[in-house]
Amino acid sequence: MDIKSYCESVGIELTGWKAKLYDVIRRSEKLADNDKDNLDPMVAELKDMVDDLDERIATLARECPAEWSGEKSEIDGKMSKVNDKWKEVWGAMGESEYGIGGA
């Protein structure tokens, strides 16, 4: 896979994760106030992750560096963190209540 194709692929994957995070945030806003208060710190972290994803997506669309190994490792680490946080928030919201499956 050439670097341009890789950047496009990663951009698509990041956009997909951004949509998943927005879905969690949106659903958390529909919870009772007591439940929302408990999730506020996690939801704030998800919002920060969305902002970071926005920056990464914009960077990938604007430039796709020839030397990518350092950036790739950083993005892979962030993707893992996003996946873990997404699962944590869904678990805290009660997956069975919302009929939500895994990642």
PDB file of N, CA and C in Angstrom:
ATOM      1  N   MET A   1       0.850  -1.167   0.000  1.00  0.00           N
ATOM      2  CA  MET A   1       0.000   0.000   0.000  1.00  0.00           C
ATOM      3  C   MET A   1       0.903   1.240   0.000  1.00  0.00           C
ATOM      4  N   ASP A   2       0.674   2.147  -0.928  1.00  0.00           N
ATOM      5  CA  ASP A   2       1.488   3.355  -0.947  1.00  0.00           C
ATOM      6  C   ASP A   2       1.048   4.298   0.170  1.00  0.00           C
ATOM      7  N   ILE A   3       1.870   5.282   0.457  1.00  0.00           N
ATOM      8  CA  ILE A   3       1.640   6.162   1.598  1.00  0.00           C
ATOM      9  C   ILE A   3       0.362   6.965   1.450  1.00  0.00           C
ATOM     10  N   LYS A   4       0.033   7.393   0.245  1.00  0.00           N
ATOM     11  CA  LYS A   4      -1.199   8.167   0.016  1.00  0.00           C
ATOM     12  C   LYS A   4      -2.426   7.313   0.329  1.00  0.00           C
ATOM     13  N   SER A   5      -2.410   6.077  -0.113  1.00  0.00           N
ATOM     14  CA  SER A   5      -3.530   5.170   0.178  1.00  0.00           C
ATOM     15  C   SER A   5      -3.629   4.909   1.677  1.00  0.00           C
ATOM     16  N   TYR A   6      -2.477   4.767   2.310  1.00  0.00           N
ATOM     17  CA  TYR A   6      -2.475   4.542   3.752  1.00  0.00           C
ATOM     18  C   TYR A   6      -3.084   5.742   4.479  1.00  0.00           C
ATOM     19  N   CYS A   7      -2.695   6.949   4.103  1.00  0.00           N
ATOM     20  CA  CYS A   7      -3.231   8.148   4.745  1.00  0.00           C
ATOM     21  C   CYS A   7      -4.743   8.252   4.546  1.00  0.00           C
ATOM     22  N   GLU A   8      -5.210   7.954   3.359  1.00  0.00           N
ATOM     23  CA  GLU A   8      -6.654   7.974   3.094  1.00  0.00           C
ATOM     24  C   GLU A   8      -7.371   6.932   3.938  1.00  0.00           C
ATOM     25  N   SER A   9      -6.791   5.752   4.041  1.00  0.00           N
ATOM     26  CA  SER A   9      -7.382   4.674   4.832  1.00  0.00           C
ATOM     27  C   SER A   9      -7.455   5.043   6.312  1.00  0.00           C
ATOM     28  N   VAL A  10      -6.378   5.598   6.830  1.00  0.00           N
ATOM     29  CA  VAL A  10      -6.360   6.014   8.230  1.00  0.00           C
ATOM     30  C   VAL A  10      -7.369   7.139   8.454  1.00  0.00           C
ATOM     31  N   GLY A  11      -7.469   8.070   7.527  1.00  0.00           N
ATOM     32  CA  GLY A  11      -8.449   9.153   7.635  1.00  0.00           C
ATOM     33  C   GLY A  11      -9.866   8.623   7.706  1.00  0.00           C
ATOM     34  N   ILE A  12     -10.167   7.619   6.904  1.00  0.00           N
ATOM     35  CA  ILE A  12     -11.498   6.999   6.921  1.00  0.00           C
ATOM     36  C   ILE A  12     -11.740   6.304   8.255  1.00  0.00           C
ATOM     37  N   GLU A  13     -10.741   5.587   8.735  1.00  0.00           N
ATOM     38  CA  GLU A  13     -10.881   4.902  10.021  1.00  0.00           C
ATOM     39  C   GLU A  13     -11.078   5.903  11.161  1.00  0.00           C
ATOM     40  N   LEU A  14     -10.317   6.978  11.160  1.00  0.00           N
ATOM     41  CA  LEU A  14     -10.458   7.999  12.203  1.00  0.00           C
ATOM     42  C   LEU A  14     -11.837   8.651  12.154  1.00  0.00           C
ATOM     43  N   THR A  15     -12.342   8.874  10.964  1.00  0.00           N
ATOM     44  CA  THR A  15     -13.675   9.449  10.812  1.00  0.00           C
ATOM     45  C   THR A  15     -14.739   8.496  11.375  1.00  0.00           C
ATOM     46  N   GLY A  16     -14.547   7.206  11.158  1.00  0.00           N
ATOM     47  CA  GLY A  16     -15.466   6.214  11.721  1.00  0.00           C
ATOM     48  C   GLY A  16     -15.462   6.233  13.241  1.00  0.00           C
ATOM     49  N   TRP A  17     -14.266   6.328  13.831  1.00  0.00           N
ATOM     50  CA  TRP A  17     -14.173   6.400  15.287  1.00  0.00           C
ATOM     51  C   TRP A  17     -14.787   7.687  15.805  1.00  0.00           C
ATOM     52  N   LYS A  18     -14.603   8.759  15.076  1.00  0.00           N
ATOM     53  CA  LYS A  18     -15.201  10.032  15.481  1.00  0.00           C
ATOM     54  C   LYS A  18     -16.725   9.903  15.529  1.00  0.00           C
ATOM     55  N   ALA A  19     -17.301   9.235  14.556  1.00  0.00           N
ATOM     56  CA  ALA A  19     -18.752   9.016  14.536  1.00  0.00           C
ATOM     57  C   ALA A  19     -19.194   8.173  15.736  1.00  0.00           C
ATOM     58  N   LYS A  20     -18.424   7.139  16.059  1.00  0.00           N
ATOM     59  CA  LYS A  20     -18.756   6.310  17.220  1.00  0.00           C
ATOM     60  C   LYS A  20     -18.718   7.135  18.512  1.00  0.00           C
ATOM     61  N   LEU A  21     -17.703   7.979  18.637  1.00  0.00           N
ATOM     62  CA  LEU A  21     -17.593   8.805  19.836  1.00  0.00           C
ATOM     63  C   LEU A  21     -18.754   9.787  19.930  1.00  0.00           C
ATOM     64  N   TYR A  22     -19.121  10.397  18.805  1.00  0.00           N
ATOM     65  CA  TYR A  22     -20.271  11.298  18.799  1.00  0.00           C
ATOM     66  C   TYR A  22     -21.539  10.561  19.230  1.00  0.00           C
ATOM     67  N   ASP A  23     -21.682   9.319  18.795  1.00  0.00           N
ATOM     68  CA  ASP A  23     -22.855   8.534  19.161  1.00  0.00           C
ATOM     69  C   ASP A  23     -22.911   8.320  20.678  1.00  0.00           C
ATOM     70  N   VAL A  24     -21.785   7.991  21.273  1.00  0.00           N
ATOM     71  CA  VAL A  24     -21.732   7.805  22.724  1.00  0.00           C
ATOM     72  C   VAL A  24     -22.077   9.118  23.431  1.00  0.00           C
ATOM     73  N   ILE A  25     -21.486  10.210  22.966  1.00  0.00           N
ATOM     74  CA  ILE A  25     -21.747  11.509  23.580  1.00  0.00           C
ATOM     75  C   ILE A  25     -23.223  11.855  23.482  1.00  0.00           C
ATOM     76  N   ARG A  26     -23.800  11.666  22.307  1.00  0.00           N
ATOM     77  CA  ARG A  26     -25.213  11.979  22.094  1.00  0.00           C
ATOM     78  C   ARG A  26     -26.094  11.152  23.010  1.00  0.00           C
ATOM     79  N   ARG A  27     -25.819   9.861  23.105  1.00  0.00           N
ATOM     80  CA  ARG A  27     -26.619   8.999  23.971  1.00  0.00           C
ATOM     81  C   ARG A  27     -26.449   9.352  25.438  1.00  0.00           C
ATOM     82  N   SER A  28     -25.261   9.757  25.824  1.00  0.00           N
ATOM     83  CA  SER A  28     -25.032  10.114  27.227  1.00  0.00           C
ATOM     84  C   SER A  28     -25.842  11.350  27.612  1.00  0.00           C
ATOM     85  N   GLU A  29     -26.079  12.229  26.655  1.00  0.00           N
ATOM     86  CA  GLU A  29     -26.853  13.441  26.925  1.00  0.00           C
ATOM     87  C   GLU A  29     -28.323  13.142  27.188  1.00  0.00           C
ATOM     88  N   LYS A  30     -28.791  11.964  26.813  1.00  0.00           N
ATOM     89  CA  LYS A  30     -30.186  11.573  27.021  1.00  0.00           C
ATOM     90  C   LYS A  30     -30.408  10.881  28.363  1.00  0.00           C
ATOM     91  N   LEU A  31     -29.350  10.625  29.104  1.00  0.00           N
ATOM     92  CA  LEU A  31     -29.466   9.940  30.382  1.00  0.00           C
ATOM     93  C   LEU A  31     -30.049  10.872  31.442  1.00  0.00           C
ATOM     94  N   ALA A  32     -30.538  10.273  32.509  1.00  0.00           N
ATOM     95  CA  ALA A  32     -31.017  11.054  33.647  1.00  0.00           C
ATOM     96  C   ALA A  32     -29.861  11.877  34.198  1.00  0.00           C
ATOM     97  N   ASP A  33     -30.189  13.023  34.794  1.00  0.00           N
ATOM     98  CA  ASP A  33     -29.150  13.928  35.297  1.00  0.00           C
ATOM     99  C   ASP A  33     -28.172  13.234  36.228  1.00  0.00           C
ATOM    100  N   ASN A  34     -28.655  12.374  37.095  1.00  0.00           N
ATOM    101  CA  ASN A  34     -27.787  11.671  38.034  1.00  0.00           C
ATOM    102  C   ASN A  34     -26.766  10.811  37.289  1.00  0.00           C
ATOM    103  N   ASP A  35     -27.228  10.087  36.277  1.00  0.00           N
ATOM    104  CA  ASP A  35     -26.326   9.246  35.487  1.00  0.00           C
ATOM    105  C   ASP A  35     -25.349  10.095  34.674  1.00  0.00           C
ATOM    106  N   LYS A  36     -25.854  11.212  34.125  1.00  0.00           N
ATOM    107  CA  LYS A  36     -24.992  12.101  33.346  1.00  0.00           C
ATOM    108  C   LYS A  36     -23.853  12.642  34.202  1.00  0.00           C
ATOM    109  N   ASP A  37     -24.175  13.011  35.436  1.00  0.00           N
ATOM    110  CA  ASP A  37     -23.148  13.550  36.332  1.00  0.00           C
ATOM    111  C   ASP A  37     -22.026  12.542  36.543  1.00  0.00           C
ATOM    112  N   ASN A  38     -22.390  11.272  36.668  1.00  0.00           N
ATOM    113  CA  ASN A  38     -21.387  10.228  36.868  1.00  0.00           C
ATOM    114  C   ASN A  38     -20.489  10.043  35.642  1.00  0.00           C
ATOM    115  N   LEU A  39     -21.048  10.280  34.467  1.00  0.00           N
ATOM    116  CA  LEU A  39     -20.296  10.076  33.221  1.00  0.00           C
ATOM    117  C   LEU A  39     -19.576  11.320  32.722  1.00  0.00           C
ATOM    118  N   ASP A  40     -19.850  12.468  33.311  1.00  0.00           N
ATOM    119  CA  ASP A  40     -19.286  13.724  32.814  1.00  0.00           C
ATOM    120  C   ASP A  40     -17.775  13.682  32.583  1.00  0.00           C
ATOM    121  N   PRO A  41     -16.970  13.164  33.520  1.00  0.00           N
ATOM    122  CA  PRO A  41     -15.521  13.144  33.261  1.00  0.00           C
ATOM    123  C   PRO A  41     -15.146  12.301  32.044  1.00  0.00           C
ATOM    124  N   MET A  42     -15.812  11.156  31.875  1.00  0.00           N
ATOM    125  CA  MET A  42     -15.508  10.297  30.724  1.00  0.00           C
ATOM    126  C   MET A  42     -15.971  10.944  29.429  1.00  0.00           C
ATOM    127  N   VAL A  43     -17.131  11.578  29.449  1.00  0.00           N
ATOM    128  CA  VAL A  43     -17.649  12.232  28.252  1.00  0.00           C
ATOM    129  C   VAL A  43     -16.745  13.411  27.870  1.00  0.00           C
ATOM    130  N   ALA A  44     -16.249  14.135  28.866  1.00  0.00           N
ATOM    131  CA  ALA A  44     -15.321  15.234  28.580  1.00  0.00           C
ATOM    132  C   ALA A  44     -14.070  14.696  27.897  1.00  0.00           C
ATOM    133  N   GLU A  45     -13.598  13.550  28.341  1.00  0.00           N
ATOM    134  CA  GLU A  45     -12.421  12.943  27.711  1.00  0.00           C
ATOM    135  C   GLU A  45     -12.731  12.520  26.272  1.00  0.00           C
ATOM    136  N   LEU A  46     -13.931  11.999  26.050  1.00  0.00           N
ATOM    137  CA  LEU A  46     -14.325  11.638  24.682  1.00  0.00           C
ATOM    138  C   LEU A  46     -14.354  12.868  23.786  1.00  0.00           C
ATOM    139  N   LYS A  47     -14.864  13.978  24.307  1.00  0.00           N
ATOM    140  CA  LYS A  47     -14.907  15.209  23.516  1.00  0.00           C
ATOM    141  C   LYS A  47     -13.500  15.673  23.161  1.00  0.00           C
ATOM    142  N   ASP A  48     -12.567  15.534  24.097  1.00  0.00           N
ATOM    143  CA  ASP A  48     -11.168  15.871  23.803  1.00  0.00           C
ATOM    144  C   ASP A  48     -10.610  14.963  22.712  1.00  0.00           C
ATOM    145  N   MET A  49     -10.988  13.693  22.767  1.00  0.00           N
ATOM    146  CA  MET A  49     -10.533  12.747  21.745  1.00  0.00           C
ATOM    147  C   MET A  49     -11.097  13.114  20.381  1.00  0.00           C
ATOM    148  N   VAL A  50     -12.356  13.565  20.339  1.00  0.00           N
ATOM    149  CA  VAL A  50     -12.955  13.991  19.076  1.00  0.00           C
ATOM    150  C   VAL A  50     -12.173  15.165  18.502  1.00  0.00           C
ATOM    151  N   ASP A  51     -11.818  16.119  19.365  1.00  0.00           N
ATOM    152  CA  ASP A  51     -11.028  17.264  18.901  1.00  0.00           C
ATOM    153  C   ASP A  51      -9.691  16.803  18.327  1.00  0.00           C
ATOM    154  N   ASP A  52      -9.051  15.860  19.009  1.00  0.00           N
ATOM    155  CA  ASP A  52      -7.774  15.339  18.533  1.00  0.00           C
ATOM    156  C   ASP A  52      -7.950  14.621  17.193  1.00  0.00           C
ATOM    157  N   LEU A  53      -9.019  13.836  17.077  1.00  0.00           N
ATOM    158  CA  LEU A  53      -9.286  13.146  15.813  1.00  0.00           C
ATOM    159  C   LEU A  53      -9.504  14.151  14.686  1.00  0.00           C
ATOM    160  N   ASP A  54     -10.227  15.235  14.983  1.00  0.00           N
ATOM    161  CA  ASP A  54     -10.443  16.275  13.971  1.00  0.00           C
ATOM    162  C   ASP A  54      -9.111  16.811  13.451  1.00  0.00           C
ATOM    163  N   GLU A  55      -8.195  17.060  14.370  1.00  0.00           N
ATOM    164  CA  GLU A  55      -6.879  17.570  13.971  1.00  0.00           C
ATOM    165  C   GLU A  55      -6.130  16.559  13.116  1.00  0.00           C
ATOM    166  N   ARG A  56      -6.175  15.294  13.524  1.00  0.00           N
ATOM    167  CA  ARG A  56      -5.472  14.249  12.760  1.00  0.00           C
ATOM    168  C   ARG A  56      -6.066  14.088  11.374  1.00  0.00           C
ATOM    169  N   ILE A  57      -7.386  14.097  11.288  1.00  0.00           N
ATOM    170  CA  ILE A  57      -8.050  13.947   9.996  1.00  0.00           C
ATOM    171  C   ILE A  57      -7.676  15.108   9.080  1.00  0.00           C
ATOM    172  N   ALA A  58      -7.670  16.327   9.621  1.00  0.00           N
ATOM    173  CA  ALA A  58      -7.303  17.503   8.824  1.00  0.00           C
ATOM    174  C   ALA A  58      -5.857  17.409   8.357  1.00  0.00           C
ATOM    175  N   THR A  59      -4.972  16.955   9.230  1.00  0.00           N
ATOM    176  CA  THR A  59      -3.567  16.812   8.862  1.00  0.00           C
ATOM    177  C   THR A  59      -3.393  15.787   7.753  1.00  0.00           C
ATOM    178  N   LEU A  60      -4.072  14.653   7.888  1.00  0.00           N
ATOM    179  CA  LEU A  60      -3.966  13.621   6.859  1.00  0.00           C
ATOM    180  C   LEU A  60      -4.510  14.107   5.515  1.00  0.00           C
ATOM    181  N   ALA A  61      -5.580  14.899   5.554  1.00  0.00           N
ATOM    182  CA  ALA A  61      -6.149  15.409   4.305  1.00  0.00           C
ATOM    183  C   ALA A  61      -5.243  16.460   3.666  1.00  0.00           C
ATOM    184  N   ARG A  62      -4.571  17.222   4.501  1.00  0.00           N
ATOM    185  CA  ARG A  62      -3.739  18.332   4.029  1.00  0.00           C
ATOM    186  C   ARG A  62      -2.355  17.871   3.592  1.00  0.00           C
ATOM    187  N   GLU A  63      -1.779  16.946   4.343  1.00  0.00           N
ATOM    188  CA  GLU A  63      -0.415  16.496   4.064  1.00  0.00           C
ATOM    189  C   GLU A  63      -0.275  15.025   4.449  1.00  0.00           C
ATOM    190  N   CYS A  64       0.480  14.341   3.708  1.00  0.00           N
ATOM    191  CA  CYS A  64       0.734  12.933   3.988  1.00  0.00           C
ATOM    192  C   CYS A  64       2.244  12.752   3.891  1.00  0.00           C
ATOM    193  N   PRO A  65       2.934  12.867   5.025  1.00  0.00           N
ATOM    194  CA  PRO A  65       4.399  12.860   4.994  1.00  0.00           C
ATOM    195  C   PRO A  65       4.982  11.551   4.482  1.00  0.00           C
ATOM    196  N   ALA A  66       6.100  11.672   3.771  1.00  0.00           N
ATOM    197  CA  ALA A  66       6.783  10.491   3.248  1.00  0.00           C
ATOM    198  C   ALA A  66       7.344   9.640   4.380  1.00  0.00           C
ATOM    199  N   GLU A  67       7.849  10.276   5.420  1.00  0.00           N
ATOM    200  CA  GLU A  67       8.336   9.548   6.595  1.00  0.00           C
ATOM    201  C   GLU A  67       7.210   9.521   7.613  1.00  0.00           C
ATOM    202  N   TRP A  68       6.623   8.385   7.770  1.00  0.00           N
ATOM    203  CA  TRP A  68       5.373   8.255   8.487  1.00  0.00           C
ATOM    204  C   TRP A  68       5.494   7.424   9.751  1.00  0.00           C
ATOM    205  N   SER A  69       6.579   6.711   9.974  1.00  0.00           N
ATOM    206  CA  SER A  69       6.654   5.728  11.051  1.00  0.00           C
ATOM    207  C   SER A  69       6.357   6.317  12.425  1.00  0.00           C
ATOM    208  N   GLY A  70       6.909   7.479  12.756  1.00  0.00           N
ATOM    209  CA  GLY A  70       6.646   8.096  14.053  1.00  0.00           C
ATOM    210  C   GLY A  70       5.191   8.486  14.214  1.00  0.00           C
ATOM    211  N   GLU A  71       4.633   9.109  13.196  1.00  0.00           N
ATOM    212  CA  GLU A  71       3.231   9.524  13.213  1.00  0.00           C
ATOM    213  C   GLU A  71       2.306   8.305  13.267  1.00  0.00           C
ATOM    214  N   LYS A  72       2.643   7.255  12.526  1.00  0.00           N
ATOM    215  CA  LYS A  72       1.825   6.046  12.516  1.00  0.00           C
ATOM    216  C   LYS A  72       1.768   5.429  13.909  1.00  0.00           C
ATOM    217  N   SER A  73       2.893   5.356  14.582  1.00  0.00           N
ATOM    218  CA  SER A  73       2.916   4.788  15.931  1.00  0.00           C
ATOM    219  C   SER A  73       2.058   5.609  16.881  1.00  0.00           C
ATOM    220  N   GLU A  74       2.138   6.922  16.756  1.00  0.00           N
ATOM    221  CA  GLU A  74       1.335   7.795  17.614  1.00  0.00           C
ATOM    222  C   GLU A  74      -0.159   7.614  17.339  1.00  0.00           C
ATOM    223  N   ILE A  75      -0.532   7.566  16.069  1.00  0.00           N
ATOM    224  CA  ILE A  75      -1.943   7.381  15.717  1.00  0.00           C
ATOM    225  C   ILE A  75      -2.439   6.013  16.184  1.00  0.00           C
ATOM    226  N   ASP A  76      -1.632   4.971  15.989  1.00  0.00           N
ATOM    227  CA  ASP A  76      -2.029   3.635  16.449  1.00  0.00           C
ATOM    228  C   ASP A  76      -2.272   3.626  17.955  1.00  0.00           C
ATOM    229  N   GLY A  77      -1.417   4.320  18.708  1.00  0.00           N
ATOM    230  CA  GLY A  77      -1.601   4.408  20.159  1.00  0.00           C
ATOM    231  C   GLY A  77      -2.878   5.147  20.524  1.00  0.00           C
ATOM    232  N   LYS A  78      -3.155   6.238  19.827  1.00  0.00           N
ATOM    233  CA  LYS A  78      -4.373   7.003  20.088  1.00  0.00           C
ATOM    234  C   LYS A  78      -5.616   6.203  19.718  1.00  0.00           C
ATOM    235  N   MET A  79      -5.531   5.445  18.633  1.00  0.00           N
ATOM    236  CA  MET A  79      -6.672   4.618  18.231  1.00  0.00           C
ATOM    237  C   MET A  79      -6.977   3.580  19.303  1.00  0.00           C
ATOM    238  N   SER A  80      -5.958   3.001  19.873  1.00  0.00           N
ATOM    239  CA  SER A  80      -6.143   2.030  20.938  1.00  0.00           C
ATOM    240  C   SER A  80      -6.800   2.689  22.152  1.00  0.00           C
ATOM    241  N   LYS A  81      -6.338   3.888  22.495  1.00  0.00           N
ATOM    242  CA  LYS A  81      -6.913   4.618  23.630  1.00  0.00           C
ATOM    243  C   LYS A  81      -8.366   4.988  23.361  1.00  0.00           C
ATOM    244  N   VAL A  82      -8.671   5.439  22.149  1.00  0.00           N
ATOM    245  CA  VAL A  82     -10.049   5.779  21.780  1.00  0.00           C
ATOM    246  C   VAL A  82     -10.941   4.549  21.919  1.00  0.00           C
ATOM    247  N   ASN A  83     -10.473   3.411  21.418  1.00  0.00           N
ATOM    248  CA  ASN A  83     -11.246   2.173  21.501  1.00  0.00           C
ATOM    249  C   ASN A  83     -11.507   1.795  22.957  1.00  0.00           C
ATOM    250  N   ASP A  84     -10.491   1.874  23.795  1.00  0.00           N
ATOM    251  CA  ASP A  84     -10.647   1.530  25.208  1.00  0.00           C
ATOM    252  C   ASP A  84     -11.625   2.471  25.903  1.00  0.00           C
ATOM    253  N   LYS A  85     -11.508   3.767  25.656  1.00  0.00           N
ATOM    254  CA  LYS A  85     -12.388   4.746  26.305  1.00  0.00           C
ATOM    255  C   LYS A  85     -13.818   4.577  25.820  1.00  0.00           C
ATOM    256  N   TRP A  86     -13.996   4.297  24.538  1.00  0.00           N
ATOM    257  CA  TRP A  86     -15.323   4.083  23.969  1.00  0.00           C
ATOM    258  C   TRP A  86     -15.997   2.912  24.672  1.00  0.00           C
ATOM    259  N   LYS A  87     -15.268   1.814  24.832  1.00  0.00           N
ATOM    260  CA  LYS A  87     -15.814   0.645  25.520  1.00  0.00           C
ATOM    261  C   LYS A  87     -16.124   0.953  26.985  1.00  0.00           C
ATOM    262  N   GLU A  88     -15.253   1.724  27.628  1.00  0.00           N
ATOM    263  CA  GLU A  88     -15.460   2.072  29.037  1.00  0.00           C
ATOM    264  C   GLU A  88     -16.748   2.876  29.223  1.00  0.00           C
ATOM    265  N   VAL A  89     -16.971   3.867  28.369  1.00  0.00           N
ATOM    266  CA  VAL A  89     -18.164   4.695  28.497  1.00  0.00           C
ATOM    267  C   VAL A  89     -19.417   3.890  28.181  1.00  0.00           C
ATOM    268  N   TRP A  90     -19.366   3.070  27.135  1.00  0.00           N
ATOM    269  CA  TRP A  90     -20.534   2.235  26.830  1.00  0.00           C
ATOM    270  C   TRP A  90     -20.834   1.311  28.005  1.00  0.00           C
ATOM    271  N   GLY A  91     -19.795   0.738  28.582  1.00  0.00           N
ATOM    272  CA  GLY A  91     -20.000  -0.133  29.734  1.00  0.00           C
ATOM    273  C   GLY A  91     -20.622   0.612  30.901  1.00  0.00           C
ATOM    274  N   ALA A  92     -20.169   1.841  31.144  1.00  0.00           N
ATOM    275  CA  ALA A  92     -20.710   2.650  32.236  1.00  0.00           C
ATOM    276  C   ALA A  92     -22.157   3.043  31.973  1.00  0.00           C
ATOM    277  N   MET A  93     -22.518   3.175  30.705  1.00  0.00           N
ATOM    278  CA  MET A  93     -23.896   3.531  30.356  1.00  0.00           C
ATOM    279  C   MET A  93     -24.817   2.316  30.413  1.00  0.00           C
ATOM    280  N   GLY A  94     -24.275   1.127  30.457  1.00  0.00           N
ATOM    281  CA  GLY A  94     -25.076  -0.091  30.494  1.00  0.00           C
ATOM    282  C   GLY A  94     -25.406  -0.571  29.097  1.00  0.00           C
ATOM    283  N   GLU A  95     -24.501  -1.367  28.517  1.00  0.00           N
ATOM    284  CA  GLU A  95     -24.675  -1.847  27.137  1.00  0.00           C
ATOM    285  C   GLU A  95     -26.018  -2.519  26.911  1.00  0.00           C
ATOM    286  N   SER A  96     -26.431  -3.355  27.848  1.00  0.00           N
ATOM    287  CA  SER A  96     -27.672  -4.099  27.628  1.00  0.00           C
ATOM    288  C   SER A  96     -28.871  -3.160  27.564  1.00  0.00           C
ATOM    289  N   GLU A  97     -28.836  -2.080  28.314  1.00  0.00           N
ATOM    290  CA  GLU A  97     -29.936  -1.115  28.291  1.00  0.00           C
ATOM    291  C   GLU A  97     -30.100  -0.482  26.929  1.00  0.00           C
ATOM    292  N   TYR A  98     -28.980  -0.296  26.216  1.00  0.00           N
ATOM    293  CA  TYR A  98     -29.015   0.360  24.927  1.00  0.00           C
ATOM    294  C   TYR A  98     -28.896  -0.604  23.765  1.00  0.00           C
ATOM    295  N   GLY A  99     -28.748  -1.887  24.031  1.00  0.00           N
ATOM    296  CA  GLY A  99     -28.619  -2.862  22.955  1.00  0.00           C
ATOM    297  C   GLY A  99     -27.377  -2.665  22.127  1.00  0.00           C
ATOM    298  N   ILE A 100     -26.288  -2.325  22.779  1.00  0.00           N
ATOM    299  CA  ILE A 100     -25.060  -1.982  22.079  1.00  0.00           C
ATOM    300  C   ILE A 100     -24.110  -3.152  22.125  1.00  0.00           C
ATOM    301  N   GLY A 101     -23.480  -3.444  20.985  1.00  0.00           N
ATOM    302  CA  GLY A 101     -22.478  -4.505  20.918  1.00  0.00           C
ATOM    303  C   GLY A 101     -21.096  -3.937  21.060  1.00  0.00           C
ATOM    304  N   GLY A 102     -20.094  -4.780  20.937  1.00  0.00           N
ATOM    305  CA  GLY A 102     -18.692  -4.366  21.036  1.00  0.00           C
ATOM    306  C   GLY A 102     -18.232  -3.603  19.826  1.00  0.00           C
ATOM    307  N   ALA A 103     -16.950  -3.232  19.861  1.00  0.00           N
ATOM    308  CA  ALA A 103     -16.373  -2.412  18.794  1.00  0.00           C
ATOM    309  C   ALA A 103     -16.261  -3.166  17.504  1.00  0.00           C
TER     310      ALA A 103
END
